[in-house]
């Protein structure tokens, strides 16, 4: 079993579910140490007391709030665990909403909630089944690591998951990042949808969903360990500049099909639609003139856009 991060209970009306919180994810990243280039000596970060000018042990270190430059308010772990806050010892459910109503950008790290002993088995199962049948998730508050947080309680398999949820004011407004107003045609949208269809999968599994960075880093470490030449960097493909957006979409569809081993034919390249002609203005009484009529040049359509 993974290490328990926090123990408490889920407060669901008058129902209490004792739980233990464990991490739902694993980090497989390759870690590095810092070292001195000259002699390969390990470089470490040491905790030093500024007043005594000596390194201190972890048991000598506590927390404190700097009220002023000259005054520090010490805060003990016991005081933090006994905050006058309902969510300090319980995950309090405040509401239930459909999962699709929550913007994914607000989602954070996920944690499994394990039943805290046999006494918790029945209320744990009750909440799991209620969430599953309601097709909703619970919105809850809890206090960890020095602050009150918002979270989503949902079901994964037969287990409950607590997903961190950012507060609304923690999400930045993207308005200033938007590009200049532009228009896309229905044909271009249909082309993009066709590409999405060819790239749709049933599950996030397979070779394309592996961590290639960690694999490549492992190859370098192995080559250096065996004192072998480092693996060559593959030459990135340099796609030609495509000025016709529809041509780029059609070519992408064919490429996606080929990567999946599907039959491909020549990509259908559609011309970009020409702008609609304006309705002719109402005829005005013709004025007598001796000037010759000039023939207007026909429009060649929209200017090509880069993909």
C-alpha atoms as a PDB file:
ATOM      1  CA  UNK A   1       0.000   0.000   0.000  1.00  0.00           C
ATOM      2  CA  UNK A   2       1.218   3.549  -0.699  1.00  0.00           C
ATOM      3  CA  UNK A   3       2.071   5.763   2.247  1.00  0.00           C
ATOM      4  CA  UNK A   4      -0.899   7.443   3.970  1.00  0.00           C
ATOM      5  CA  UNK A   5      -0.757  11.200   3.386  1.00  0.00           C
ATOM      6  CA  UNK A   6      -3.649  12.237   5.611  1.00  0.00           C
ATOM      7  CA  UNK A   7      -6.232  10.532   7.805  1.00  0.00           C
ATOM      8  CA  UNK A   8      -9.654  11.866   8.659  1.00  0.00           C
ATOM      9  CA  UNK A   9     -13.238  11.375   7.556  1.00  0.00           C
ATOM     10  CA  UNK A  10     -15.713  12.325   4.854  1.00  0.00           C
ATOM     11  CA  UNK A  11     -18.630  14.298   6.259  1.00  0.00           C
ATOM     12  CA  UNK A  12     -21.765  13.559   4.214  1.00  0.00           C
ATOM     13  CA  UNK A  13     -24.745  15.104   6.014  1.00  0.00           C
ATOM     14  CA  UNK A  14     -24.964  13.037   9.203  1.00  0.00           C
ATOM     15  CA  UNK A  15     -22.957  10.195   7.639  1.00  0.00           C
ATOM     16  CA  UNK A  16     -19.259   9.952   8.508  1.00  0.00           C
ATOM     17  CA  UNK A  17     -16.843   7.826   6.488  1.00  0.00           C
ATOM     18  CA  UNK A  18     -13.381   7.337   8.096  1.00  0.00           C
ATOM     19  CA  UNK A  19     -10.749   7.414   5.325  1.00  0.00           C
ATOM     20  CA  UNK A  20      -7.007   7.344   4.685  1.00  0.00           C
ATOM     21  CA  UNK A  21      -5.657   9.430   1.801  1.00  0.00           C
ATOM     22  CA  UNK A  22      -2.963   7.974  -0.479  1.00  0.00           C
ATOM     23  CA  UNK A  23      -1.500   9.291  -3.722  1.00  0.00           C
ATOM     24  CA  UNK A  24      -3.264   8.063  -6.860  1.00  0.00           C
ATOM     25  CA  UNK A  25      -0.306   8.675  -9.178  1.00  0.00           C
ATOM     26  CA  UNK A  26       3.371   7.724  -9.473  1.00  0.00           C
ATOM     27  CA  UNK A  27       6.274   9.785 -10.773  1.00  0.00           C
ATOM     28  CA  UNK A  28       8.670   7.785 -12.963  1.00  0.00           C
ATOM     29  CA  UNK A  29      10.892  10.731 -13.882  1.00  0.00           C
ATOM     30  CA  UNK A  30      14.665  10.180 -13.797  1.00  0.00           C
ATOM     31  CA  UNK A  31      16.238  12.255 -11.004  1.00  0.00           C
ATOM     32  CA  UNK A  32      19.626  13.986 -11.033  1.00  0.00           C
ATOM     33  CA  UNK A  33      22.008  15.097  -8.281  1.00  0.00           C
ATOM     34  CA  UNK A  34      24.125  18.230  -8.360  1.00  0.00           C
ATOM     35  CA  UNK A  35      27.893  17.742  -8.235  1.00  0.00           C
ATOM     36  CA  UNK A  36      31.125  19.719  -8.443  1.00  0.00           C
ATOM     37  CA  UNK A  37      32.464  19.544 -12.022  1.00  0.00           C
ATOM     38  CA  UNK A  38      36.091  19.735 -10.922  1.00  0.00           C
ATOM     39  CA  UNK A  39      36.193  16.709  -8.620  1.00  0.00           C
ATOM     40  CA  UNK A  40      32.696  15.150  -8.940  1.00  0.00           C
ATOM     41  CA  UNK A  41      31.982  15.871  -5.284  1.00  0.00           C
ATOM     42  CA  UNK A  42      28.291  15.880  -4.310  1.00  0.00           C
ATOM     43  CA  UNK A  43      26.745  19.339  -3.822  1.00  0.00           C
ATOM     44  CA  UNK A  44      23.992  19.396  -1.188  1.00  0.00           C
ATOM     45  CA  UNK A  45      21.716  21.973   0.360  1.00  0.00           C
ATOM     46  CA  UNK A  46      22.339  22.329   4.075  1.00  0.00           C
ATOM     47  CA  UNK A  47      20.054  23.992   6.634  1.00  0.00           C
ATOM     48  CA  UNK A  48      22.054  26.541   8.607  1.00  0.00           C
ATOM     49  CA  UNK A  49      20.927  28.720  11.513  1.00  0.00           C
ATOM     50  CA  UNK A  50      21.822  32.336  10.644  1.00  0.00           C
ATOM     51  CA  UNK A  51      22.359  33.331  14.282  1.00  0.00           C
ATOM     52  CA  UNK A  52      24.590  30.422  15.337  1.00  0.00           C
ATOM     53  CA  UNK A  53      26.138  29.913  11.908  1.00  0.00           C
ATOM     54  CA  UNK A  54      25.866  26.137  12.164  1.00  0.00           C
ATOM     55  CA  UNK A  55      23.978  23.361  10.408  1.00  0.00           C
ATOM     56  CA  UNK A  56      20.875  22.246  12.309  1.00  0.00           C
ATOM     57  CA  UNK A  57      19.069  18.906  12.392  1.00  0.00           C
ATOM     58  CA  UNK A  58      15.478  18.555  11.183  1.00  0.00           C
ATOM     59  CA  UNK A  59      14.339  17.925  14.765  1.00  0.00           C
ATOM     60  CA  UNK A  60      15.528  21.452  15.661  1.00  0.00           C
ATOM     61  CA  UNK A  61      13.490  23.132  12.919  1.00  0.00           C
ATOM     62  CA  UNK A  62       9.990  24.521  13.415  1.00  0.00           C
ATOM     63  CA  UNK A  63       7.547  26.810  11.610  1.00  0.00           C
ATOM     64  CA  UNK A  64       6.988  30.483  12.274  1.00  0.00           C
ATOM     65  CA  UNK A  65       5.139  33.499  10.887  1.00  0.00           C
ATOM     66  CA  UNK A  66       7.214  36.663  10.397  1.00  0.00           C
ATOM     67  CA  UNK A  67       5.046  39.373  11.932  1.00  0.00           C
ATOM     68  CA  UNK A  68       7.768  42.018  11.534  1.00  0.00           C
ATOM     69  CA  UNK A  69      11.469  41.813  10.718  1.00  0.00           C
ATOM     70  CA  UNK A  70      12.192  41.645  14.432  1.00  0.00           C
ATOM     71  CA  UNK A  71       9.300  39.494  15.638  1.00  0.00           C
ATOM     72  CA  UNK A  72       8.483  35.886  14.768  1.00  0.00           C
ATOM     73  CA  UNK A  73       5.325  34.025  15.824  1.00  0.00           C
ATOM     74  CA  UNK A  74       6.123  30.301  16.289  1.00  0.00           C
ATOM     75  CA  UNK A  75       3.447  27.814  15.116  1.00  0.00           C
ATOM     76  CA  UNK A  76       3.645  24.171  16.185  1.00  0.00           C
ATOM     77  CA  UNK A  77       2.463  21.134  14.234  1.00  0.00           C
ATOM     78  CA  UNK A  78      -0.002  20.390  17.049  1.00  0.00           C
ATOM     79  CA  UNK A  79      -1.536  23.856  16.677  1.00  0.00           C
ATOM     80  CA  UNK A  80      -1.874  23.348  12.934  1.00  0.00           C
ATOM     81  CA  UNK A  81      -3.605  20.000  13.449  1.00  0.00           C
ATOM     82  CA  UNK A  82      -6.089  21.584  15.866  1.00  0.00           C
ATOM     83  CA  UNK A  83      -7.173  24.610  13.858  1.00  0.00           C
ATOM     84  CA  UNK A  84     -10.637  26.010  14.717  1.00  0.00           C
ATOM     85  CA  UNK A  85     -11.842  24.876  11.288  1.00  0.00           C
ATOM     86  CA  UNK A  86     -14.374  22.103  10.484  1.00  0.00           C
ATOM     87  CA  UNK A  87     -12.369  20.950   7.450  1.00  0.00           C
ATOM     88  CA  UNK A  88      -9.168  20.498   9.472  1.00  0.00           C
ATOM     89  CA  UNK A  89     -10.148  16.915  10.299  1.00  0.00           C
ATOM     90  CA  UNK A  90     -12.854  16.147   7.762  1.00  0.00           C
ATOM     91  CA  UNK A  91     -13.535  16.355   4.040  1.00  0.00           C
ATOM     92  CA  UNK A  92     -16.878  18.158   4.080  1.00  0.00           C
ATOM     93  CA  UNK A  93     -19.217  17.621   1.125  1.00  0.00           C
ATOM     94  CA  UNK A  94     -21.054  20.846   0.243  1.00  0.00           C
ATOM     95  CA  UNK A  95     -22.786  20.041  -3.061  1.00  0.00           C
ATOM     96  CA  UNK A  96     -23.226  17.613  -5.955  1.00  0.00           C
ATOM     97  CA  UNK A  97     -22.830  18.554  -9.640  1.00  0.00           C
ATOM     98  CA  UNK A  98     -22.442  16.770 -13.004  1.00  0.00           C
ATOM     99  CA  UNK A  99     -18.753  16.209 -13.779  1.00  0.00           C
ATOM    100  CA  UNK A 100     -19.121  17.867 -17.200  1.00  0.00           C
ATOM    101  CA  UNK A 101     -20.021  21.141 -15.459  1.00  0.00           C
ATOM    102  CA  UNK A 102     -16.464  21.414 -14.085  1.00  0.00           C
ATOM    103  CA  UNK A 103     -13.839  23.039 -16.301  1.00  0.00           C
ATOM    104  CA  UNK A 104     -10.876  20.581 -16.527  1.00  0.00           C
ATOM    105  CA  UNK A 105      -8.423  23.487 -16.131  1.00  0.00           C
ATOM    106  CA  UNK A 106      -9.438  23.613 -12.457  1.00  0.00           C
ATOM    107  CA  UNK A 107      -8.469  19.967 -11.828  1.00  0.00           C
ATOM    108  CA  UNK A 108      -5.301  19.214  -9.881  1.00  0.00           C
ATOM    109  CA  UNK A 109      -3.611  16.141  -8.388  1.00  0.00           C
ATOM    110  CA  UNK A 110      -5.689  13.079  -7.568  1.00  0.00           C
ATOM    111  CA  UNK A 111      -5.719  10.972  -4.396  1.00  0.00           C
ATOM    112  CA  UNK A 112      -7.328   7.642  -3.560  1.00  0.00           C
ATOM    113  CA  UNK A 113      -9.499   7.577  -0.450  1.00  0.00           C
ATOM    114  CA  UNK A 114      -9.146   4.228   1.327  1.00  0.00           C
ATOM    115  CA  UNK A 115     -11.729   3.106   3.861  1.00  0.00           C
ATOM    116  CA  UNK A 116     -10.362   3.653   7.371  1.00  0.00           C
ATOM    117  CA  UNK A 117     -10.976   0.189   8.775  1.00  0.00           C
ATOM    118  CA  UNK A 118     -13.913  -2.238   8.771  1.00  0.00           C
ATOM    119  CA  UNK A 119     -16.232   0.274  10.445  1.00  0.00           C
ATOM    120  CA  UNK A 120     -15.923   2.469   7.331  1.00  0.00           C
ATOM    121  CA  UNK A 121     -16.701  -0.293   4.809  1.00  0.00           C
ATOM    122  CA  UNK A 122     -20.490   0.168   4.681  1.00  0.00           C
ATOM    123  CA  UNK A 123     -20.707   4.008   4.578  1.00  0.00           C
ATOM    124  CA  UNK A 124     -17.798   4.001   2.070  1.00  0.00           C
ATOM    125  CA  UNK A 125     -19.689   1.592  -0.214  1.00  0.00           C
ATOM    126  CA  UNK A 126     -22.884   3.611   0.249  1.00  0.00           C
ATOM    127  CA  UNK A 127     -21.251   6.825  -0.955  1.00  0.00           C
ATOM    128  CA  UNK A 128     -19.570   5.048  -3.888  1.00  0.00           C
ATOM    129  CA  UNK A 129     -22.878   3.579  -5.103  1.00  0.00           C
ATOM    130  CA  UNK A 130     -24.767   6.843  -4.583  1.00  0.00           C
ATOM    131  CA  UNK A 131     -22.203   8.779  -6.628  1.00  0.00           C
ATOM    132  CA  UNK A 132     -22.175   6.121  -9.349  1.00  0.00           C
ATOM    133  CA  UNK A 133     -25.959   5.993  -9.759  1.00  0.00           C
ATOM    134  CA  UNK A 134     -26.450   9.750  -9.555  1.00  0.00           C
ATOM    135  CA  UNK A 135     -23.874  10.318 -12.336  1.00  0.00           C
ATOM    136  CA  UNK A 136     -22.671  13.270 -10.309  1.00  0.00           C
ATOM    137  CA  UNK A 137     -19.580  14.188  -8.325  1.00  0.00           C
ATOM    138  CA  UNK A 138     -19.350  15.705  -4.860  1.00  0.00           C
ATOM    139  CA  UNK A 139     -17.811  19.126  -4.241  1.00  0.00           C
ATOM    140  CA  UNK A 140     -15.986  19.136  -0.916  1.00  0.00           C
ATOM    141  CA  UNK A 141     -13.724  21.323   1.230  1.00  0.00           C
ATOM    142  CA  UNK A 142     -10.705  20.109   3.199  1.00  0.00           C
ATOM    143  CA  UNK A 143      -7.670  21.650   4.901  1.00  0.00           C
ATOM    144  CA  UNK A 144      -4.189  20.338   4.036  1.00  0.00           C
ATOM    145  CA  UNK A 145      -0.700  21.813   3.942  1.00  0.00           C
ATOM    146  CA  UNK A 146      -1.511  25.168   5.453  1.00  0.00           C
ATOM    147  CA  UNK A 147      -4.657  26.125   3.543  1.00  0.00           C
ATOM    148  CA  UNK A 148      -8.272  25.189   2.938  1.00  0.00           C
ATOM    149  CA  UNK A 149      -8.835  23.572  -0.416  1.00  0.00           C
ATOM    150  CA  UNK A 150     -11.685  22.680  -2.742  1.00  0.00           C
ATOM    151  CA  UNK A 151     -11.976  19.214  -4.235  1.00  0.00           C
ATOM    152  CA  UNK A 152     -14.055  16.824  -6.314  1.00  0.00           C
ATOM    153  CA  UNK A 153     -15.052  13.428  -4.942  1.00  0.00           C
ATOM    154  CA  UNK A 154     -15.675  10.940  -7.755  1.00  0.00           C
ATOM    155  CA  UNK A 155     -15.713   7.206  -8.349  1.00  0.00           C
ATOM    156  CA  UNK A 156     -13.014   5.264 -10.218  1.00  0.00           C
ATOM    157  CA  UNK A 157     -13.823   1.585 -10.425  1.00  0.00           C
ATOM    158  CA  UNK A 158     -14.983   0.795  -6.885  1.00  0.00           C
ATOM    159  CA  UNK A 159     -12.732   3.376  -5.229  1.00  0.00           C
ATOM    160  CA  UNK A 160     -13.279   7.007  -4.337  1.00  0.00           C
ATOM    161  CA  UNK A 161     -10.933   9.626  -5.717  1.00  0.00           C
ATOM    162  CA  UNK A 162     -10.374  13.103  -4.327  1.00  0.00           C
ATOM    163  CA  UNK A 163      -9.309  15.476  -7.103  1.00  0.00           C
ATOM    164  CA  UNK A 164      -7.885  18.869  -6.171  1.00  0.00           C
ATOM    165  CA  UNK A 165      -9.919  21.770  -7.514  1.00  0.00           C
ATOM    166  CA  UNK A 166      -8.566  25.283  -7.918  1.00  0.00           C
ATOM    167  CA  UNK A 167     -10.609  28.135  -6.494  1.00  0.00           C
ATOM    168  CA  UNK A 168     -12.257  30.345  -9.163  1.00  0.00           C
ATOM    169  CA  UNK A 169      -9.914  33.280  -8.460  1.00  0.00           C
ATOM    170  CA  UNK A 170      -6.877  31.042  -9.116  1.00  0.00           C
ATOM    171  CA  UNK A 171      -7.762  30.745 -12.829  1.00  0.00           C
ATOM    172  CA  UNK A 172      -6.409  33.534 -15.021  1.00  0.00           C
ATOM    173  CA  UNK A 173      -8.622  35.237 -17.594  1.00  0.00           C
ATOM    174  CA  UNK A 174      -7.355  34.216 -21.082  1.00  0.00           C
ATOM    175  CA  UNK A 175      -9.022  37.138 -22.912  1.00  0.00           C
ATOM    176  CA  UNK A 176      -5.775  39.039 -23.487  1.00  0.00           C
ATOM    177  CA  UNK A 177      -4.194  35.927 -25.026  1.00  0.00           C
ATOM    178  CA  UNK A 178      -6.803  35.488 -27.768  1.00  0.00           C
ATOM    179  CA  UNK A 179      -5.717  36.011 -31.398  1.00  0.00           C
ATOM    180  CA  UNK A 180      -7.104  38.782 -33.551  1.00  0.00           C
ATOM    181  CA  UNK A 181     -10.682  38.126 -34.767  1.00  0.00           C
ATOM    182  CA  UNK A 182     -10.753  35.933 -37.870  1.00  0.00           C
ATOM    183  CA  UNK A 183     -13.234  33.770 -39.776  1.00  0.00           C
ATOM    184  CA  UNK A 184     -13.087  30.111 -40.805  1.00  0.00           C
ATOM    185  CA  UNK A 185     -15.351  28.558 -43.403  1.00  0.00           C
ATOM    186  CA  UNK A 186     -17.730  25.641 -42.865  1.00  0.00           C
ATOM    187  CA  UNK A 187     -15.604  23.599 -45.257  1.00  0.00           C
ATOM    188  CA  UNK A 188     -12.509  24.187 -43.146  1.00  0.00           C
ATOM    189  CA  UNK A 189     -14.394  23.198 -39.982  1.00  0.00           C
ATOM    190  CA  UNK A 190     -15.609  20.009 -41.671  1.00  0.00           C
ATOM    191  CA  UNK A 191     -12.016  19.235 -42.683  1.00  0.00           C
ATOM    192  CA  UNK A 192     -10.852  19.653 -39.086  1.00  0.00           C
ATOM    193  CA  UNK A 193     -13.669  17.370 -37.873  1.00  0.00           C
ATOM    194  CA  UNK A 194     -12.654  14.724 -40.428  1.00  0.00           C
ATOM    195  CA  UNK A 195      -9.084  14.857 -39.080  1.00  0.00           C
ATOM    196  CA  UNK A 196     -10.381  14.520 -35.511  1.00  0.00           C
ATOM    197  CA  UNK A 197     -12.385  11.438 -36.549  1.00  0.00           C
ATOM    198  CA  UNK A 198      -9.286   9.708 -37.889  1.00  0.00           C
ATOM    199  CA  UNK A 199      -7.357  10.509 -34.695  1.00  0.00           C
ATOM    200  CA  UNK A 200     -10.081   9.398 -32.248  1.00  0.00           C
ATOM    201  CA  UNK A 201      -9.113   6.473 -29.974  1.00  0.00           C
ATOM    202  CA  UNK A 202     -11.045   4.331 -27.504  1.00  0.00           C
ATOM    203  CA  UNK A 203      -8.434   4.463 -24.738  1.00  0.00           C
ATOM    204  CA  UNK A 204      -5.262   6.379 -23.884  1.00  0.00           C
ATOM    205  CA  UNK A 205      -3.072   3.334 -24.377  1.00  0.00           C
ATOM    206  CA  UNK A 206      -0.457   2.276 -26.886  1.00  0.00           C
ATOM    207  CA  UNK A 207       2.955   3.337 -28.132  1.00  0.00           C
ATOM    208  CA  UNK A 208       1.962   6.957 -28.742  1.00  0.00           C
ATOM    209  CA  UNK A 209       1.106   7.369 -25.037  1.00  0.00           C
ATOM    210  CA  UNK A 210       4.511   6.431 -23.603  1.00  0.00           C
ATOM    211  CA  UNK A 211       7.035   8.785 -22.013  1.00  0.00           C
ATOM    212  CA  UNK A 212       9.611   9.048 -24.808  1.00  0.00           C
ATOM    213  CA  UNK A 213      11.651  11.663 -22.947  1.00  0.00           C
ATOM    214  CA  UNK A 214      12.374   9.300 -20.036  1.00  0.00           C
ATOM    215  CA  UNK A 215      13.120   6.461 -22.475  1.00  0.00           C
ATOM    216  CA  UNK A 216      15.604   8.629 -24.404  1.00  0.00           C
ATOM    217  CA  UNK A 217      17.247   9.768 -21.164  1.00  0.00           C
ATOM    218  CA  UNK A 218      17.580   6.138 -20.082  1.00  0.00           C
ATOM    219  CA  UNK A 219      19.334   5.332 -23.381  1.00  0.00           C
ATOM    220  CA  UNK A 220      21.887   8.088 -22.762  1.00  0.00           C
ATOM    221  CA  UNK A 221      22.570   6.884 -19.210  1.00  0.00           C
ATOM    222  CA  UNK A 222      22.936   3.276 -20.381  1.00  0.00           C
ATOM    223  CA  UNK A 223      25.284   4.274 -23.223  1.00  0.00           C
ATOM    224  CA  UNK A 224      27.509   6.264 -20.845  1.00  0.00           C
ATOM    225  CA  UNK A 225      27.491   3.424 -18.318  1.00  0.00           C
ATOM    226  CA  UNK A 226      28.655   0.979 -21.007  1.00  0.00           C
ATOM    227  CA  UNK A 227      31.039   3.621 -22.446  1.00  0.00           C
ATOM    228  CA  UNK A 228      29.336   3.368 -25.803  1.00  0.00           C
ATOM    229  CA  UNK A 229      28.618   6.149 -28.332  1.00  0.00           C
ATOM    230  CA  UNK A 230      25.583   8.209 -27.469  1.00  0.00           C
ATOM    231  CA  UNK A 231      22.438   7.476 -29.513  1.00  0.00           C
ATOM    232  CA  UNK A 232      22.010   9.727 -32.529  1.00  0.00           C
ATOM    233  CA  UNK A 233      19.357  12.412 -32.482  1.00  0.00           C
ATOM    234  CA  UNK A 234      16.707  11.624 -35.124  1.00  0.00           C
ATOM    235  CA  UNK A 235      16.343  14.271 -37.778  1.00  0.00           C
ATOM    236  CA  UNK A 236      13.007  16.047 -37.337  1.00  0.00           C
ATOM    237  CA  UNK A 237      10.774  16.099 -40.360  1.00  0.00           C
ATOM    238  CA  UNK A 238      10.584  19.491 -41.983  1.00  0.00           C
ATOM    239  CA  UNK A 239       7.082  19.844 -43.419  1.00  0.00           C
ATOM    240  CA  UNK A 240       6.760  22.043 -46.431  1.00  0.00           C
ATOM    241  CA  UNK A 241       4.985  25.317 -45.872  1.00  0.00           C
ATOM    242  CA  UNK A 242       1.346  24.848 -46.739  1.00  0.00           C
ATOM    243  CA  UNK A 243      -0.520  27.928 -47.821  1.00  0.00           C
ATOM    244  CA  UNK A 244      -3.869  26.211 -48.350  1.00  0.00           C
ATOM    245  CA  UNK A 245      -5.506  25.268 -45.032  1.00  0.00           C
ATOM    246  CA  UNK A 246      -7.779  22.679 -46.663  1.00  0.00           C
ATOM    247  CA  UNK A 247      -4.784  21.016 -48.325  1.00  0.00           C
ATOM    248  CA  UNK A 248      -3.072  20.801 -44.931  1.00  0.00           C
ATOM    249  CA  UNK A 249      -6.180  19.246 -43.354  1.00  0.00           C
ATOM    250  CA  UNK A 250      -6.605  16.666 -46.124  1.00  0.00           C
ATOM    251  CA  UNK A 251      -2.918  15.743 -46.014  1.00  0.00           C
ATOM    252  CA  UNK A 252      -3.147  15.359 -42.241  1.00  0.00           C
ATOM    253  CA  UNK A 253      -6.129  12.991 -42.610  1.00  0.00           C
ATOM    254  CA  UNK A 254      -4.155  10.798 -45.009  1.00  0.00           C
ATOM    255  CA  UNK A 255      -1.129  10.828 -42.705  1.00  0.00           C
ATOM    256  CA  UNK A 256      -3.252   9.824 -39.702  1.00  0.00           C
ATOM    257  CA  UNK A 257      -4.807   6.954 -41.658  1.00  0.00           C
ATOM    258  CA  UNK A 258      -1.392   5.740 -42.815  1.00  0.00           C
ATOM    259  CA  UNK A 259      -0.046   5.767 -39.254  1.00  0.00           C
ATOM    260  CA  UNK A 260      -2.910   3.461 -38.242  1.00  0.00           C
ATOM    261  CA  UNK A 261      -2.378   1.121 -41.176  1.00  0.00           C
ATOM    262  CA  UNK A 262      -5.600   2.163 -42.900  1.00  0.00           C
ATOM    263  CA  UNK A 263      -5.955   2.383 -46.655  1.00  0.00           C
ATOM    264  CA  UNK A 264      -5.227   5.815 -48.000  1.00  0.00           C
ATOM    265  CA  UNK A 265      -6.047   7.421 -51.283  1.00  0.00           C
ATOM    266  CA  UNK A 266      -4.940  10.682 -52.782  1.00  0.00           C
ATOM    267  CA  UNK A 267      -5.804  13.523 -50.478  1.00  0.00           C
ATOM    268  CA  UNK A 268      -8.723  15.551 -51.691  1.00  0.00           C
ATOM    269  CA  UNK A 269      -7.650  19.138 -51.867  1.00  0.00           C
ATOM    270  CA  UNK A 270     -10.568  21.527 -51.993  1.00  0.00           C
ATOM    271  CA  UNK A 271     -10.249  25.103 -53.051  1.00  0.00           C
ATOM    272  CA  UNK A 272     -11.078  27.606 -50.420  1.00  0.00           C
ATOM    273  CA  UNK A 273     -14.587  28.962 -50.948  1.00  0.00           C
ATOM    274  CA  UNK A 274     -14.822  32.248 -52.759  1.00  0.00           C
ATOM    275  CA  UNK A 275     -16.470  35.137 -50.990  1.00  0.00           C
ATOM    276  CA  UNK A 276     -20.164  35.465 -51.664  1.00  0.00           C
ATOM    277  CA  UNK A 277     -21.091  38.128 -54.164  1.00  0.00           C
ATOM    278  CA  UNK A 278     -22.942  41.084 -52.758  1.00  0.00           C
ATOM    279  CA  UNK A 279     -26.533  41.534 -53.818  1.00  0.00           C
ATOM    280  CA  UNK A 280     -26.785  44.000 -56.717  1.00  0.00           C
ATOM    281  CA  UNK A 281     -27.796  47.474 -55.695  1.00  0.00           C
ATOM    282  CA  UNK A 282     -31.110  48.853 -56.849  1.00  0.00           C
ATOM    283  CA  UNK A 283     -30.886  50.419 -60.294  1.00  0.00           C
ATOM    284  CA  UNK A 284     -30.856  54.176 -60.373  1.00  0.00           C
ATOM    285  CA  UNK A 285     -32.054  56.166 -63.359  1.00  0.00           C
ATOM    286  CA  UNK A 286     -29.232  56.072 -65.882  1.00  0.00           C
ATOM    287  CA  UNK A 287     -27.476  59.312 -66.626  1.00  0.00           C
ATOM    288  CA  UNK A 288     -26.517  60.135 -70.160  1.00  0.00           C
ATOM    289  CA  UNK A 289     -22.771  59.938 -70.611  1.00  0.00           C
ATOM    290  CA  UNK A 290     -20.352  59.475 -73.397  1.00  0.00           C
ATOM    291  CA  UNK A 291     -17.783  57.683 -71.262  1.00  0.00           C
ATOM    292  CA  UNK A 292     -17.091  54.055 -72.161  1.00  0.00           C
ATOM    293  CA  UNK A 293     -17.945  51.360 -69.599  1.00  0.00           C
ATOM    294  CA  UNK A 294     -14.961  49.703 -67.987  1.00  0.00           C
ATOM    295  CA  UNK A 295     -14.977  45.969 -67.366  1.00  0.00           C
ATOM    296  CA  UNK A 296     -14.357  45.046 -63.728  1.00  0.00           C
ATOM    297  CA  UNK A 297     -11.776  42.332 -63.156  1.00  0.00           C
ATOM    298  CA  UNK A 298     -13.187  39.148 -61.689  1.00  0.00           C
ATOM    299  CA  UNK A 299     -12.257  38.326 -58.118  1.00  0.00           C
ATOM    300  CA  UNK A 300      -9.827  35.445 -57.737  1.00  0.00           C
ATOM    301  CA  UNK A 301     -11.257  34.463 -54.345  1.00  0.00           C
ATOM    302  CA  UNK A 302      -9.752  34.720 -50.885  1.00  0.00           C
ATOM    303  CA  UNK A 303      -6.098  35.223 -50.349  1.00  0.00           C
ATOM    304  CA  UNK A 304      -4.460  31.935 -49.333  1.00  0.00           C
ATOM    305  CA  UNK A 305      -3.797  31.555 -45.603  1.00  0.00           C
ATOM    306  CA  UNK A 306      -0.892  29.757 -44.087  1.00  0.00           C
ATOM    307  CA  UNK A 307      -1.718  26.590 -42.138  1.00  0.00           C
END
